[in-house]
PDB file of N, CA and C in Angstrom:
ATOM      1  N   MET A   1      -4.065  12.827  -9.342  1.00  0.00           N
ATOM      2  CA  MET A   1      -4.887  11.935  -8.566  1.00  0.00           C
ATOM      3  C   MET A   1      -4.019  11.336  -7.459  1.00  0.00           C
ATOM      4  N   THR A   2      -4.581  11.250  -6.281  1.00  0.00           N
ATOM      5  CA  THR A   2      -3.894  10.690  -5.116  1.00  0.00           C
ATOM      6  C   THR A   2      -4.661   9.483  -4.614  1.00  0.00           C
ATOM      7  N   SER A   3      -3.940   8.470  -4.171  1.00  0.00           N
ATOM      8  CA  SER A   3      -4.559   7.317  -3.529  1.00  0.00           C
ATOM      9  C   SER A   3      -3.635   6.845  -2.413  1.00  0.00           C
ATOM     10  N   LYS A   4      -4.105   5.839  -1.673  1.00  0.00           N
ATOM     11  CA  LYS A   4      -3.353   5.364  -0.514  1.00  0.00           C
ATOM     12  C   LYS A   4      -3.177   3.852  -0.542  1.00  0.00           C
ATOM     13  N   LEU A   5      -2.040   3.414  -0.036  1.00  0.00           N
ATOM     14  CA  LEU A   5      -1.747   1.994   0.152  1.00  0.00           C
ATOM     15  C   LEU A   5      -2.339   1.581   1.494  1.00  0.00           C
ATOM     16  N   TRP A   6      -3.235   0.601   1.480  1.00  0.00           N
ATOM     17  CA  TRP A   6      -3.903   0.188   2.704  1.00  0.00           C
ATOM     18  C   TRP A   6      -2.959  -0.595   3.616  1.00  0.00           C
ATOM     19  N   ASN A   7      -3.279  -0.638   4.890  1.00  0.00           N
ATOM     20  CA  ASN A   7      -2.420  -1.194   5.935  1.00  0.00           C
ATOM     21  C   ASN A   7      -2.166  -2.687   5.835  1.00  0.00           C
ATOM     22  N   THR A   8      -3.037  -3.437   5.185  1.00  0.00           N
ATOM     23  CA  THR A   8      -2.816  -4.876   5.027  1.00  0.00           C
ATOM     24  C   THR A   8      -1.924  -5.164   3.826  1.00  0.00           C
ATOM     25  N   LYS A   9      -1.501  -4.131   3.119  1.00  0.00           N
ATOM     26  CA  LYS A   9      -0.694  -4.285   1.905  1.00  0.00           C
ATOM     27  C   LYS A   9       0.705  -3.694   2.065  1.00  0.00           C
ATOM     28  N   HIS A  10       1.219  -3.648   3.285  1.00  0.00           N
ATOM     29  CA  HIS A  10       2.532  -3.052   3.535  1.00  0.00           C
ATOM     30  C   HIS A  10       3.697  -3.977   3.226  1.00  0.00           C
ATOM     31  N   CYS A  11       3.470  -5.286   3.079  1.00  0.00           N
ATOM     32  CA  CYS A  11       4.568  -6.175   2.710  1.00  0.00           C
ATOM     33  C   CYS A  11       5.012  -5.825   1.294  1.00  0.00           C
ATOM     34  N   ALA A  12       6.326  -5.844   1.079  1.00  0.00           N
ATOM     35  CA  ALA A  12       6.873  -5.404  -0.210  1.00  0.00           C
ATOM     36  C   ALA A  12       6.212  -6.097  -1.393  1.00  0.00           C
ATOM     37  N   GLU A  13       5.957  -7.393  -1.277  1.00  0.00           N
ATOM     38  CA  GLU A  13       5.376  -8.118  -2.404  1.00  0.00           C
ATOM     39  C   GLU A  13       3.901  -7.782  -2.637  1.00  0.00           C
ATOM     40  N   ASP A  14       3.271  -7.063  -1.710  1.00  0.00           N
ATOM     41  CA  ASP A  14       1.863  -6.677  -1.863  1.00  0.00           C
ATOM     42  C   ASP A  14       1.678  -5.282  -2.461  1.00  0.00           C
ATOM     43  N   VAL A  15       2.742  -4.488  -2.485  1.00  0.00           N
ATOM     44  CA  VAL A  15       2.615  -3.088  -2.908  1.00  0.00           C
ATOM     45  C   VAL A  15       2.213  -2.970  -4.377  1.00  0.00           C
ATOM     46  N   GLU A  16       2.925  -3.650  -5.246  1.00  0.00           N
ATOM     47  CA  GLU A  16       2.622  -3.523  -6.679  1.00  0.00           C
ATOM     48  C   GLU A  16       1.229  -4.054  -7.015  1.00  0.00           C
ATOM     49  N   PRO A  17       0.830  -5.250  -6.531  1.00  0.00           N
ATOM     50  CA  PRO A  17      -0.540  -5.689  -6.818  1.00  0.00           C
ATOM     51  C   PRO A  17      -1.601  -4.731  -6.259  1.00  0.00           C
ATOM     52  N   ALA A  18      -1.339  -4.145  -5.094  1.00  0.00           N
ATOM     53  CA  ALA A  18      -2.290  -3.184  -4.524  1.00  0.00           C
ATOM     54  C   ALA A  18      -2.393  -1.937  -5.397  1.00  0.00           C
ATOM     55  N   LEU A  19      -1.250  -1.472  -5.895  1.00  0.00           N
ATOM     56  CA  LEU A  19      -1.245  -0.312  -6.791  1.00  0.00           C
ATOM     57  C   LEU A  19      -2.010  -0.623  -8.077  1.00  0.00           C
ATOM     58  N   LYS A  20      -1.763  -1.797  -8.652  1.00  0.00           N
ATOM     59  CA  LYS A  20      -2.477  -2.189  -9.874  1.00  0.00           C
ATOM     60  C   LYS A  20      -3.986  -2.252  -9.626  1.00  0.00           C
ATOM     61  N   GLN A  21      -4.384  -2.794  -8.462  1.00  0.00           N
ATOM     62  CA  GLN A  21      -5.809  -2.888  -8.149  1.00  0.00           C
ATOM     63  C   GLN A  21      -6.424  -1.496  -7.998  1.00  0.00           C
ATOM     64  N   THR A  22      -5.705  -0.604  -7.341  1.00  0.00           N
ATOM     65  CA  THR A  22      -6.187   0.771  -7.179  1.00  0.00           C
ATOM     66  C   THR A  22      -6.388   1.437  -8.530  1.00  0.00           C
ATOM     67  N   LEU A  23      -5.393   1.303  -9.411  1.00  0.00           N
ATOM     68  CA  LEU A  23      -5.509   1.904 -10.740  1.00  0.00           C
ATOM     69  C   LEU A  23      -6.703   1.329 -11.495  1.00  0.00           C
ATOM     70  N   SER A  24      -6.890   0.023 -11.395  1.00  0.00           N
ATOM     71  CA  SER A  24      -8.024  -0.624 -12.057  1.00  0.00           C
ATOM     72  C   SER A  24      -9.351  -0.140 -11.474  1.00  0.00           C
ATOM     73  N   ASP A  25      -9.437  -0.103 -10.144  1.00  0.00           N
ATOM     74  CA  ASP A  25     -10.673   0.339  -9.485  1.00  0.00           C
ATOM     75  C   ASP A  25     -11.053   1.761  -9.883  1.00  0.00           C
ATOM     76  N   LEU A  26     -10.049   2.607 -10.056  1.00  0.00           N
ATOM     77  CA  LEU A  26     -10.301   4.010 -10.382  1.00  0.00           C
ATOM     78  C   LEU A  26     -10.358   4.279 -11.889  1.00  0.00           C
ATOM     79  N   GLY A  27     -10.053   3.266 -12.683  1.00  0.00           N
ATOM     80  CA  GLY A  27     -10.061   3.442 -14.134  1.00  0.00           C
ATOM     81  C   GLY A  27      -8.957   4.366 -14.610  1.00  0.00           C
ATOM     82  N   LEU A  28      -7.793   4.286 -13.939  1.00  0.00           N
ATOM     83  CA  LEU A  28      -6.665   5.161 -14.257  1.00  0.00           C
ATOM     84  C   LEU A  28      -5.478   4.356 -14.753  1.00  0.00           C
ATOM     85  N   THR A  29      -4.529   5.047 -15.344  1.00  0.00           N
ATOM     86  CA  THR A  29      -3.284   4.411 -15.772  1.00  0.00           C
ATOM     87  C   THR A  29      -2.091   4.876 -14.947  1.00  0.00           C
ATOM     88  N   TYR A  30      -2.273   5.910 -14.140  1.00  0.00           N
ATOM     89  CA  TYR A  30      -1.193   6.410 -13.284  1.00  0.00           C
ATOM     90  C   TYR A  30      -1.790   7.175 -12.111  1.00  0.00           C
ATOM     91  N   LEU A  31      -0.956   7.413 -11.098  1.00  0.00           N
ATOM     92  CA  LEU A  31      -1.305   8.275  -9.961  1.00  0.00           C
ATOM     93  C   LEU A  31      -0.284   9.391  -9.877  1.00  0.00           C
ATOM     94  N   ASP A  32      -0.719  10.540  -9.408  1.00  0.00           N
ATOM     95  CA  ASP A  32       0.221  11.629  -9.146  1.00  0.00           C
ATOM     96  C   ASP A  32       0.906  11.439  -7.798  1.00  0.00           C
ATOM     97  N   LEU A  33       0.186  10.829  -6.853  1.00  0.00           N
ATOM     98  CA  LEU A  33       0.717  10.651  -5.509  1.00  0.00           C
ATOM     99  C   LEU A  33       0.135   9.382  -4.914  1.00  0.00           C
ATOM    100  N   TYR A  34       0.999   8.537  -4.339  1.00  0.00           N
ATOM    101  CA  TYR A  34       0.575   7.280  -3.707  1.00  0.00           C
ATOM    102  C   TYR A  34       1.091   7.300  -2.278  1.00  0.00           C
ATOM    103  N   LEU A  35       0.191   7.334  -1.327  1.00  0.00           N
ATOM    104  CA  LEU A  35       0.553   7.475   0.081  1.00  0.00           C
ATOM    105  C   LEU A  35       0.369   6.168   0.847  1.00  0.00           C
ATOM    106  N   MET A  36       1.119   6.018   1.928  1.00  0.00           N
ATOM    107  CA  MET A  36       0.843   4.940   2.879  1.00  0.00           C
ATOM    108  C   MET A  36      -0.273   5.463   3.766  1.00  0.00           C
ATOM    109  N   HIS A  37      -1.364   4.700   3.894  1.00  0.00           N
ATOM    110  CA  HIS A  37      -2.549   5.188   4.590  1.00  0.00           C
ATOM    111  C   HIS A  37      -2.258   5.534   6.041  1.00  0.00           C
ATOM    112  N   TRP A  38      -1.685   4.598   6.784  1.00  0.00           N
ATOM    113  CA  TRP A  38      -1.303   4.830   8.185  1.00  0.00           C
ATOM    114  C   TRP A  38       0.117   4.334   8.371  1.00  0.00           C
ATOM    115  N   PRO A  39       0.834   4.836   9.342  1.00  0.00           N
ATOM    116  CA  PRO A  39       2.219   4.397   9.549  1.00  0.00           C
ATOM    117  C   PRO A  39       2.318   3.106  10.373  1.00  0.00           C
ATOM    118  N   ILE A  40       1.304   2.267  10.297  1.00  0.00           N
ATOM    119  CA  ILE A  40       1.347   0.973  10.982  1.00  0.00           C
ATOM    120  C   ILE A  40       0.726  -0.067  10.058  1.00  0.00           C
ATOM    121  N   ALA A  41       1.326  -1.231  10.033  1.00  0.00           N
ATOM    122  CA  ALA A  41       0.807  -2.305   9.185  1.00  0.00           C
ATOM    123  C   ALA A  41      -0.174  -3.160   9.971  1.00  0.00           C
ATOM    124  N   PHE A  42      -1.175  -3.654   9.265  1.00  0.00           N
ATOM    125  CA  PHE A  42      -2.070  -4.679   9.808  1.00  0.00           C
ATOM    126  C   PHE A  42      -1.600  -6.018   9.238  1.00  0.00           C
ATOM    127  N   GLN A  43      -2.061  -7.102   9.812  1.00  0.00           N
ATOM    128  CA  GLN A  43      -1.712  -8.419   9.297  1.00  0.00           C
ATOM    129  C   GLN A  43      -2.149  -8.527   7.842  1.00  0.00           C
ATOM    130  N   ARG A  44      -1.300  -9.156   7.020  1.00  0.00           N
ATOM    131  CA  ARG A  44      -1.586  -9.333   5.598  1.00  0.00           C
ATOM    132  C   ARG A  44      -2.884 -10.105   5.392  1.00  0.00           C
ATOM    133  N   GLY A  45      -3.523  -9.837   4.274  1.00  0.00           N
ATOM    134  CA  GLY A  45      -4.712 -10.580   3.908  1.00  0.00           C
ATOM    135  C   GLY A  45      -5.741  -9.673   3.270  1.00  0.00           C
ATOM    136  N   GLU A  46      -6.894 -10.248   2.990  1.00  0.00           N
ATOM    137  CA  GLU A  46      -7.953  -9.499   2.320  1.00  0.00           C
ATOM    138  C   GLU A  46      -8.898  -8.799   3.290  1.00  0.00           C
ATOM    139  N   ASP A  47      -8.877  -9.176   4.565  1.00  0.00           N
ATOM    140  CA  ASP A  47      -9.711  -8.513   5.573  1.00  0.00           C
ATOM    141  C   ASP A  47      -9.085  -7.148   5.861  1.00  0.00           C
ATOM    142  N   VAL A  48      -9.798  -6.061   5.568  1.00  0.00           N
ATOM    143  CA  VAL A  48      -9.204  -4.730   5.707  1.00  0.00           C
ATOM    144  C   VAL A  48      -8.982  -4.310   7.158  1.00  0.00           C
ATOM    145  N   PHE A  49      -9.711  -4.914   8.089  1.00  0.00           N
ATOM    146  CA  PHE A  49      -9.499  -4.665   9.518  1.00  0.00           C
ATOM    147  C   PHE A  49      -9.386  -6.004  10.243  1.00  0.00           C
ATOM    148  N   PRO A  50      -8.262  -6.724  10.058  1.00  0.00           N
ATOM    149  CA  PRO A  50      -8.115  -8.034  10.701  1.00  0.00           C
ATOM    150  C   PRO A  50      -8.060  -7.885  12.224  1.00  0.00           C
ATOM    151  N   LYS A  51      -8.840  -8.700  12.912  1.00  0.00           N
ATOM    152  CA  LYS A  51      -8.916  -8.570  14.373  1.00  0.00           C
ATOM    153  C   LYS A  51      -8.621  -9.887  15.069  1.00  0.00           C
ATOM    154  N   ASN A  52      -8.073  -9.757  16.257  1.00  0.00           N
ATOM    155  CA  ASN A  52      -7.862 -10.895  17.145  1.00  0.00           C
ATOM    156  C   ASN A  52      -9.199 -11.244  17.796  1.00  0.00           C
ATOM    157  N   GLU A  53      -9.234 -12.371  18.476  1.00  0.00           N
ATOM    158  CA  GLU A  53     -10.469 -12.798  19.141  1.00  0.00           C
ATOM    159  C   GLU A  53     -10.971 -11.768  20.150  1.00  0.00           C
ATOM    160  N   ASP A  54     -10.046 -11.018  20.750  1.00  0.00           N
ATOM    161  CA  ASP A  54     -10.460 -10.021  21.745  1.00  0.00           C
ATOM    162  C   ASP A  54     -10.880  -8.688  21.109  1.00  0.00           C
ATOM    163  N   GLY A  55     -10.876  -8.622  19.777  1.00  0.00           N
ATOM    164  CA  GLY A  55     -11.326  -7.416  19.087  1.00  0.00           C
ATOM    165  C   GLY A  55     -10.225  -6.431  18.741  1.00  0.00           C
ATOM    166  N   THR A  56      -9.009  -6.664  19.216  1.00  0.00           N
ATOM    167  CA  THR A  56      -7.900  -5.766  18.871  1.00  0.00           C
ATOM    168  C   THR A  56      -7.426  -6.071  17.457  1.00  0.00           C
ATOM    169  N   LEU A  57      -6.833  -5.073  16.823  1.00  0.00           N
ATOM    170  CA  LEU A  57      -6.336  -5.254  15.464  1.00  0.00           C
ATOM    171  C   LEU A  57      -5.121  -6.170  15.446  1.00  0.00           C
ATOM    172  N   LYS A  58      -5.078  -7.033  14.433  1.00  0.00           N
ATOM    173  CA  LYS A  58      -3.922  -7.908  14.242  1.00  0.00           C
ATOM    174  C   LYS A  58      -2.833  -7.119  13.539  1.00  0.00           C
ATOM    175  N   VAL A  59      -1.657  -7.131  14.127  1.00  0.00           N
ATOM    176  CA  VAL A  59      -0.491  -6.512  13.505  1.00  0.00           C
ATOM    177  C   VAL A  59       0.590  -7.581  13.408  1.00  0.00           C
ATOM    178  N   PRO A  60       1.484  -7.477  12.421  1.00  0.00           N
ATOM    179  CA  PRO A  60       2.532  -8.477  12.273  1.00  0.00           C
ATOM    180  C   PRO A  60       3.416  -8.539  13.512  1.00  0.00           C
ATOM    181  N   ALA A  61       3.807  -9.754  13.895  1.00  0.00           N
ATOM    182  CA  ALA A  61       4.727  -9.918  15.026  1.00  0.00           C
ATOM    183  C   ALA A  61       6.018  -9.180  14.707  1.00  0.00           C
ATOM    184  N   GLY A  62       6.437  -8.320  15.591  1.00  0.00           N
ATOM    185  CA  GLY A  62       7.656  -7.561  15.377  1.00  0.00           C
ATOM    186  C   GLY A  62       7.479  -6.350  14.482  1.00  0.00           C
ATOM    187  N   GLY A  63       6.309  -6.184  13.901  1.00  0.00           N
ATOM    188  CA  GLY A  63       6.047  -5.033  13.041  1.00  0.00           C
ATOM    189  C   GLY A  63       6.776  -5.122  11.718  1.00  0.00           C
ATOM    190  N   LEU A  64       6.566  -4.158  10.892  1.00  0.00           N
ATOM    191  CA  LEU A  64       7.243  -4.053   9.605  1.00  0.00           C
ATOM    192  C   LEU A  64       8.070  -2.780   9.598  1.00  0.00           C
ATOM    193  N   PHE A  65       9.165  -2.825   8.883  1.00  0.00           N
ATOM    194  CA  PHE A  65       9.983  -1.635   8.772  1.00  0.00           C
ATOM    195  C   PHE A  65       9.436  -0.776   7.639  1.00  0.00           C
ATOM    196  N   LEU A  66       8.884   0.364   7.990  1.00  0.00           N
ATOM    197  CA  LEU A  66       8.214   1.196   7.001  1.00  0.00           C
ATOM    198  C   LEU A  66       9.155   1.739   5.937  1.00  0.00           C
ATOM    199  N   VAL A  67      10.433   1.823   6.255  1.00  0.00           N
ATOM    200  CA  VAL A  67      11.381   2.298   5.247  1.00  0.00           C
ATOM    201  C   VAL A  67      11.402   1.313   4.078  1.00  0.00           C
ATOM    202  N   ARG A  68      11.392   0.012   4.360  1.00  0.00           N
ATOM    203  CA  ARG A  68      11.370  -0.988   3.291  1.00  0.00           C
ATOM    204  C   ARG A  68      10.110  -0.837   2.448  1.00  0.00           C
ATOM    205  N   VAL A  69       8.980  -0.641   3.103  1.00  0.00           N
ATOM    206  CA  VAL A  69       7.719  -0.478   2.381  1.00  0.00           C
ATOM    207  C   VAL A  69       7.773   0.765   1.512  1.00  0.00           C
ATOM    208  N   PHE A  70       8.256   1.863   2.080  1.00  0.00           N
ATOM    209  CA  PHE A  70       8.344   3.110   1.327  1.00  0.00           C
ATOM    210  C   PHE A  70       9.237   2.944   0.106  1.00  0.00           C
ATOM    211  N   VAL A  71      10.401   2.331   0.284  1.00  0.00           N
ATOM    212  CA  VAL A  71      11.337   2.169  -0.833  1.00  0.00           C
ATOM    213  C   VAL A  71      10.692   1.334  -1.933  1.00  0.00           C
ATOM    214  N   HIS A  72      10.023   0.254  -1.570  1.00  0.00           N
ATOM    215  CA  HIS A  72       9.395  -0.579  -2.592  1.00  0.00           C
ATOM    216  C   HIS A  72       8.269   0.174  -3.297  1.00  0.00           C
ATOM    217  N   ALA A  73       7.444   0.863  -2.542  1.00  0.00           N
ATOM    218  CA  ALA A  73       6.363   1.635  -3.144  1.00  0.00           C
ATOM    219  C   ALA A  73       6.931   2.712  -4.067  1.00  0.00           C
ATOM    220  N   HIS A  74       8.002   3.345  -3.622  1.00  0.00           N
ATOM    221  CA  HIS A  74       8.634   4.383  -4.431  1.00  0.00           C
ATOM    222  C   HIS A  74       9.134   3.801  -5.752  1.00  0.00           C
ATOM    223  N   LEU A  75       9.756   2.635  -5.707  1.00  0.00           N
ATOM    224  CA  LEU A  75      10.244   2.000  -6.926  1.00  0.00           C
ATOM    225  C   LEU A  75       9.099   1.630  -7.860  1.00  0.00           C
ATOM    226  N   CYS A  76       7.994   1.172  -7.297  1.00  0.00           N
ATOM    227  CA  CYS A  76       6.834   0.818  -8.129  1.00  0.00           C
ATOM    228  C   CYS A  76       6.322   2.025  -8.896  1.00  0.00           C
ATOM    229  N   VAL A  77       6.119   3.117  -8.199  1.00  0.00           N
ATOM    230  CA  VAL A  77       5.514   4.276  -8.856  1.00  0.00           C
ATOM    231  C   VAL A  77       6.504   5.032  -9.732  1.00  0.00           C
ATOM    232  N   GLN A  78       7.784   4.690  -9.675  1.00  0.00           N
ATOM    233  CA  GLN A  78       8.751   5.318 -10.574  1.00  0.00           C
ATOM    234  C   GLN A  78       8.675   4.746 -11.975  1.00  0.00           C
ATOM    235  N   GLN A  79       7.981   3.612 -12.150  1.00  0.00           N
ATOM    236  CA  GLN A  79       7.830   3.064 -13.488  1.00  0.00           C
ATOM    237  C   GLN A  79       7.016   4.059 -14.315  1.00  0.00           C
ATOM    238  N   PRO A  80       7.521   4.446 -15.483  1.00  0.00           N
ATOM    239  CA  PRO A  80       6.897   5.527 -16.258  1.00  0.00           C
ATOM    240  C   PRO A  80       5.412   5.339 -16.553  1.00  0.00           C
ATOM    241  N   HIS A  81       4.950   4.124 -16.681  1.00  0.00           N
ATOM    242  CA  HIS A  81       3.544   3.936 -17.023  1.00  0.00           C
ATOM    243  C   HIS A  81       2.623   4.140 -15.831  1.00  0.00           C
ATOM    244  N   TRP A  82       3.156   4.359 -14.627  1.00  0.00           N
ATOM    245  CA  TRP A  82       2.318   4.587 -13.446  1.00  0.00           C
ATOM    246  C   TRP A  82       2.424   5.991 -12.882  1.00  0.00           C
ATOM    247  N   ARG A  83       3.162   6.841 -13.526  1.00  0.00           N
ATOM    248  CA  ARG A  83       3.300   8.198 -12.999  1.00  0.00           C
ATOM    249  C   ARG A  83       3.380   9.179 -14.148  1.00  0.00           C
ATOM    250  N   ARG A  84       3.223  10.425 -13.803  1.00  0.00           N
ATOM    251  CA  ARG A  84       3.357  11.509 -14.776  1.00  0.00           C
ATOM    252  C   ARG A  84       4.170  12.599 -14.111  1.00  0.00           C
ATOM    253  N   GLU A  85       5.077  13.168 -14.877  1.00  0.00           N
ATOM    254  CA  GLU A  85       5.902  14.256 -14.345  1.00  0.00           C
ATOM    255  C   GLU A  85       5.027  15.486 -14.134  1.00  0.00           C
ATOM    256  N   ILE A  86       5.210  16.138 -13.002  1.00  0.00           N
ATOM    257  CA  ILE A  86       4.471  17.366 -12.703  1.00  0.00           C
ATOM    258  C   ILE A  86       5.486  18.436 -12.375  1.00  0.00           C
ATOM    259  N   SER A  87       5.373  19.591 -13.019  1.00  0.00           N
ATOM    260  CA  SER A  87       6.296  20.677 -12.683  1.00  0.00           C
ATOM    261  C   SER A  87       5.542  21.913 -12.278  1.00  0.00           C
TER     262      SER A  87
END
């Protein structure tokens, strides 16, 4: 099973709760593959498409370093109860 980390959940502290919510929503105990949905972060929060007054998408000032997000997400899914070995 594959799922994606949404753009408002790119902050390191949001990755694990987002993964737990995804597993709960899908009724699963693990994922085979967890992807970052897009290579750009949106402003944190519950609004999936946060927008400025002019209608443009809100992105964090200065952006986020995707390597940090990837490393944290990778560490989360390495926990044995969230993944299964595939050969």
